[in-house]
Amino acid sequence: MKKPVYYTANEVAEIFNRDPHTIRDWINHGCPTPEGLVRLQAAKLGKSWTIKDEWLAIFELRVRPDPVRPNLELEIPREPEWETP
């Protein structure tokens, strides 16, 4: 069994390129998504929040369920419209 990795709110902020206050908002209130708010699970140890790597992975899957895939659908070229004199 692998040993769990724990992150601070500041480390999670660096991972997601967000302000630490935003991460604390995700913990306390939730992150807005089209399906509603999704809270980041965390444990308060003393005065700081600790986030387990599994909790972070679950949060990310709930916030971004579909991996970002390039749009490979090509537009069908339209025939040019000729102006009538």
N, C-alpha and C. Protein backbone atom coordinates (compact mmCIF):
# COMPACT_ATOMS: atom_id res chain seq x y z
N MET A 1 0.84 -1.17 0.00
CA MET A 1 0.00 0.00 0.00
C MET A 1 0.88 1.24 0.00
N LYS A 2 0.55 2.18 -0.89
CA LYS A 2 1.39 3.38 -0.97
C LYS A 2 1.07 4.33 0.17
N LYS A 3 2.07 5.05 0.58
CA LYS A 3 1.93 6.00 1.66
C LYS A 3 1.24 7.26 1.13
N PRO A 4 0.19 7.76 1.81
CA PRO A 4 -0.50 8.94 1.30
C PRO A 4 0.37 10.19 1.36
N VAL A 5 0.12 11.08 0.42
CA VAL A 5 0.81 12.36 0.36
C VAL A 5 -0.17 13.42 0.82
N TYR A 6 0.28 14.35 1.63
CA TYR A 6 -0.57 15.42 2.13
C TYR A 6 -0.07 16.76 1.62
N TYR A 7 -1.02 17.63 1.28
CA TYR A 7 -0.69 18.95 0.77
C TYR A 7 -1.28 20.02 1.70
N THR A 8 -0.64 21.17 1.72
CA THR A 8 -1.21 22.32 2.41
C THR A 8 -2.07 23.08 1.41
N ALA A 9 -2.86 24.01 1.90
CA ALA A 9 -3.68 24.84 1.00
C ALA A 9 -2.78 25.64 0.07
N ASN A 10 -1.63 26.08 0.56
CA ASN A 10 -0.71 26.84 -0.30
C ASN A 10 -0.14 25.97 -1.42
N GLU A 11 0.16 24.71 -1.12
CA GLU A 11 0.67 23.80 -2.16
C GLU A 11 -0.41 23.50 -3.20
N VAL A 12 -1.64 23.32 -2.77
CA VAL A 12 -2.74 23.09 -3.71
C VAL A 12 -2.96 24.34 -4.56
N ALA A 13 -2.80 25.50 -3.96
CA ALA A 13 -2.94 26.76 -4.71
C ALA A 13 -1.89 26.82 -5.82
N GLU A 14 -0.69 26.38 -5.55
CA GLU A 14 0.35 26.36 -6.58
C GLU A 14 0.02 25.35 -7.68
N ILE A 15 -0.50 24.18 -7.29
CA ILE A 15 -0.87 23.15 -8.28
C ILE A 15 -1.93 23.67 -9.24
N PHE A 16 -2.97 24.34 -8.70
CA PHE A 16 -4.08 24.82 -9.52
C PHE A 16 -3.87 26.25 -10.02
N ASN A 17 -2.73 26.84 -9.67
CA ASN A 17 -2.42 28.22 -10.07
C ASN A 17 -3.52 29.18 -9.60
N ARG A 18 -3.86 29.06 -8.33
CA ARG A 18 -4.89 29.89 -7.70
C ARG A 18 -4.34 30.50 -6.42
N ASP A 19 -5.06 31.46 -5.89
CA ASP A 19 -4.71 32.08 -4.62
C ASP A 19 -5.07 31.12 -3.48
N PRO A 20 -4.28 31.07 -2.40
CA PRO A 20 -4.63 30.20 -1.27
C PRO A 20 -6.02 30.49 -0.68
N HIS A 21 -6.47 31.74 -0.77
CA HIS A 21 -7.82 32.08 -0.28
C HIS A 21 -8.88 31.33 -1.09
N THR A 22 -8.64 31.17 -2.39
CA THR A 22 -9.57 30.43 -3.25
C THR A 22 -9.66 28.97 -2.81
N ILE A 23 -8.52 28.38 -2.47
CA ILE A 23 -8.51 26.98 -2.04
C ILE A 23 -9.30 26.85 -0.74
N ARG A 24 -9.13 27.78 0.17
CA ARG A 24 -9.88 27.75 1.43
C ARG A 24 -11.38 27.94 1.17
N ASP A 25 -11.72 28.74 0.18
CA ASP A 25 -13.14 28.88 -0.21
C ASP A 25 -13.68 27.56 -0.76
N TRP A 26 -12.88 26.85 -1.56
CA TRP A 26 -13.29 25.55 -2.10
C TRP A 26 -13.53 24.56 -0.96
N ILE A 27 -12.72 24.66 0.09
CA ILE A 27 -12.87 23.76 1.25
C ILE A 27 -14.13 24.13 2.04
N ASN A 28 -14.31 25.40 2.32
CA ASN A 28 -15.42 25.86 3.17
C ASN A 28 -16.76 25.95 2.46
N HIS A 29 -16.75 26.41 1.21
CA HIS A 29 -18.01 26.70 0.52
C HIS A 29 -18.23 25.84 -0.73
N GLY A 30 -17.15 25.44 -1.41
CA GLY A 30 -17.26 24.66 -2.63
C GLY A 30 -16.81 25.44 -3.85
N CYS A 31 -16.47 24.70 -4.88
CA CYS A 31 -16.07 25.27 -6.16
C CYS A 31 -17.27 25.22 -7.10
N PRO A 32 -17.63 26.35 -7.71
CA PRO A 32 -18.80 26.33 -8.60
C PRO A 32 -18.54 25.54 -9.87
N THR A 33 -19.48 24.66 -10.20
CA THR A 33 -19.45 23.89 -11.45
C THR A 33 -20.84 23.97 -12.06
N PRO A 34 -21.01 23.56 -13.30
CA PRO A 34 -22.36 23.58 -13.90
C PRO A 34 -23.36 22.71 -13.12
N GLU A 35 -22.89 21.68 -12.44
CA GLU A 35 -23.78 20.80 -11.68
C GLU A 35 -24.00 21.27 -10.25
N GLY A 36 -23.34 22.32 -9.84
CA GLY A 36 -23.47 22.84 -8.47
C GLY A 36 -22.11 22.96 -7.81
N LEU A 37 -22.12 23.24 -6.52
CA LEU A 37 -20.88 23.43 -5.78
C LEU A 37 -20.25 22.08 -5.42
N VAL A 38 -18.93 21.99 -5.57
CA VAL A 38 -18.17 20.79 -5.21
C VAL A 38 -17.14 21.21 -4.18
N ARG A 39 -17.22 20.61 -2.99
CA ARG A 39 -16.30 20.96 -1.92
C ARG A 39 -15.04 20.10 -1.97
N LEU A 40 -13.93 20.73 -1.65
CA LEU A 40 -12.65 20.04 -1.54
C LEU A 40 -12.53 19.50 -0.12
N GLN A 41 -12.41 18.20 0.01
CA GLN A 41 -12.30 17.58 1.33
C GLN A 41 -10.93 17.91 1.90
N ALA A 42 -10.90 18.29 3.18
CA ALA A 42 -9.66 18.64 3.86
C ALA A 42 -9.84 18.44 5.36
N ALA A 43 -8.72 18.33 6.03
CA ALA A 43 -8.73 18.19 7.49
C ALA A 43 -7.99 19.39 8.08
N LYS A 44 -8.55 19.95 9.13
CA LYS A 44 -7.92 21.10 9.77
C LYS A 44 -7.01 20.58 10.89
N LEU A 45 -5.73 20.80 10.74
CA LEU A 45 -4.76 20.40 11.75
C LEU A 45 -4.17 21.68 12.34
N GLY A 46 -4.60 21.99 13.54
CA GLY A 46 -4.19 23.26 14.13
C GLY A 46 -4.89 24.40 13.41
N LYS A 47 -4.11 25.31 12.86
CA LYS A 47 -4.70 26.46 12.16
C LYS A 47 -4.68 26.31 10.64
N SER A 48 -4.08 25.23 10.15
CA SER A 48 -3.96 25.10 8.69
C SER A 48 -4.71 23.87 8.18
N TRP A 49 -5.08 23.95 6.91
CA TRP A 49 -5.79 22.87 6.24
C TRP A 49 -4.79 21.90 5.63
N THR A 50 -5.13 20.60 5.68
CA THR A 50 -4.32 19.55 5.06
C THR A 50 -5.21 18.77 4.11
N ILE A 51 -4.71 18.56 2.89
CA ILE A 51 -5.47 17.88 1.86
C ILE A 51 -4.72 16.62 1.45
N LYS A 52 -5.37 15.47 1.56
CA LYS A 52 -4.78 14.19 1.17
C LYS A 52 -4.79 14.09 -0.35
N ASP A 53 -3.78 13.44 -0.93
CA ASP A 53 -3.69 13.34 -2.39
C ASP A 53 -4.92 12.67 -3.01
N GLU A 54 -5.50 11.69 -2.32
CA GLU A 54 -6.71 11.03 -2.84
C GLU A 54 -7.88 12.00 -2.88
N TRP A 55 -8.01 12.83 -1.85
CA TRP A 55 -9.10 13.81 -1.81
C TRP A 55 -8.94 14.81 -2.95
N LEU A 56 -7.71 15.19 -3.22
CA LEU A 56 -7.44 16.14 -4.30
C LEU A 56 -7.80 15.53 -5.66
N ALA A 57 -7.46 14.25 -5.84
CA ALA A 57 -7.78 13.57 -7.10
C ALA A 57 -9.29 13.45 -7.29
N ILE A 58 -10.01 13.11 -6.23
CA ILE A 58 -11.47 13.01 -6.31
C ILE A 58 -12.08 14.37 -6.63
N PHE A 59 -11.60 15.41 -5.97
CA PHE A 59 -12.09 16.76 -6.22
C PHE A 59 -11.89 17.15 -7.68
N GLU A 60 -10.70 16.87 -8.20
CA GLU A 60 -10.40 17.25 -9.58
C GLU A 60 -11.29 16.49 -10.57
N LEU A 61 -11.56 15.22 -10.30
CA LEU A 61 -12.45 14.45 -11.18
C LEU A 61 -13.88 14.98 -11.13
N ARG A 62 -14.31 15.44 -9.95
CA ARG A 62 -15.67 15.97 -9.84
C ARG A 62 -15.80 17.35 -10.48
N VAL A 63 -14.73 18.13 -10.42
CA VAL A 63 -14.77 19.48 -11.00
C VAL A 63 -14.57 19.40 -12.51
N ARG A 64 -13.66 18.53 -12.95
CA ARG A 64 -13.38 18.37 -14.38
C ARG A 64 -13.57 16.90 -14.75
N PRO A 65 -14.82 16.44 -14.93
CA PRO A 65 -15.05 15.02 -15.18
C PRO A 65 -14.49 14.53 -16.51
N ASP A 66 -14.50 15.36 -17.53
CA ASP A 66 -13.99 14.95 -18.83
C ASP A 66 -12.61 15.53 -19.03
N PRO A 67 -11.65 14.67 -19.37
CA PRO A 67 -10.32 15.22 -19.64
C PRO A 67 -10.40 16.15 -20.85
N VAL A 68 -9.57 17.14 -20.83
CA VAL A 68 -9.58 18.10 -21.93
C VAL A 68 -9.05 17.40 -23.17
N ARG A 69 -9.89 17.35 -24.16
CA ARG A 69 -9.51 16.72 -25.42
C ARG A 69 -9.61 17.76 -26.53
N PRO A 70 -8.68 17.71 -27.48
CA PRO A 70 -8.78 18.67 -28.58
C PRO A 70 -10.00 18.38 -29.43
N ASN A 71 -10.59 19.41 -29.97
CA ASN A 71 -11.73 19.26 -30.85
C ASN A 71 -11.21 18.88 -32.23
N LEU A 72 -11.41 17.63 -32.62
CA LEU A 72 -10.88 17.15 -33.89
C LEU A 72 -11.90 17.19 -35.01
N GLU A 73 -13.09 17.68 -34.71
CA GLU A 73 -14.10 17.79 -35.75
C GLU A 73 -13.76 18.96 -36.66
N LEU A 74 -13.66 18.65 -37.93
CA LEU A 74 -13.33 19.70 -38.89
C LEU A 74 -14.62 20.29 -39.43
N GLU A 75 -14.58 21.58 -39.63
CA GLU A 75 -15.75 22.22 -40.21
C GLU A 75 -15.82 21.86 -41.68
N ILE A 76 -17.03 21.63 -42.16
CA ILE A 76 -17.23 21.34 -43.57
C ILE A 76 -17.12 22.67 -44.31
N PRO A 77 -16.22 22.73 -45.28
CA PRO A 77 -16.06 24.01 -45.98
C PRO A 77 -17.33 24.37 -46.74
N ARG A 78 -17.70 25.61 -46.60
CA ARG A 78 -18.88 26.10 -47.30
C ARG A 78 -18.45 26.67 -48.64
N GLU A 79 -19.32 26.51 -49.62
CA GLU A 79 -19.03 27.07 -50.92
C GLU A 79 -19.18 28.58 -50.83
N PRO A 80 -18.31 29.30 -51.54
CA PRO A 80 -18.41 30.77 -51.47
C PRO A 80 -19.73 31.24 -52.06
N GLU A 81 -20.26 32.25 -51.43
CA GLU A 81 -21.51 32.83 -51.93
C GLU A 81 -21.15 33.90 -52.97
N TRP A 82 -21.80 33.76 -54.14
CA TRP A 82 -21.54 34.71 -55.21
C TRP A 82 -22.54 35.85 -55.12
N GLU A 83 -22.02 37.02 -55.22
CA GLU A 83 -22.91 38.18 -55.17
C GLU A 83 -23.58 38.34 -56.54
N THR A 84 -24.85 38.67 -56.51
CA THR A 84 -25.57 38.91 -57.76
C THR A 84 -25.50 40.39 -58.08
N PRO A 85 -25.25 40.71 -59.35
CA PRO A 85 -25.15 42.14 -59.71
C PRO A 85 -26.45 42.86 -59.66
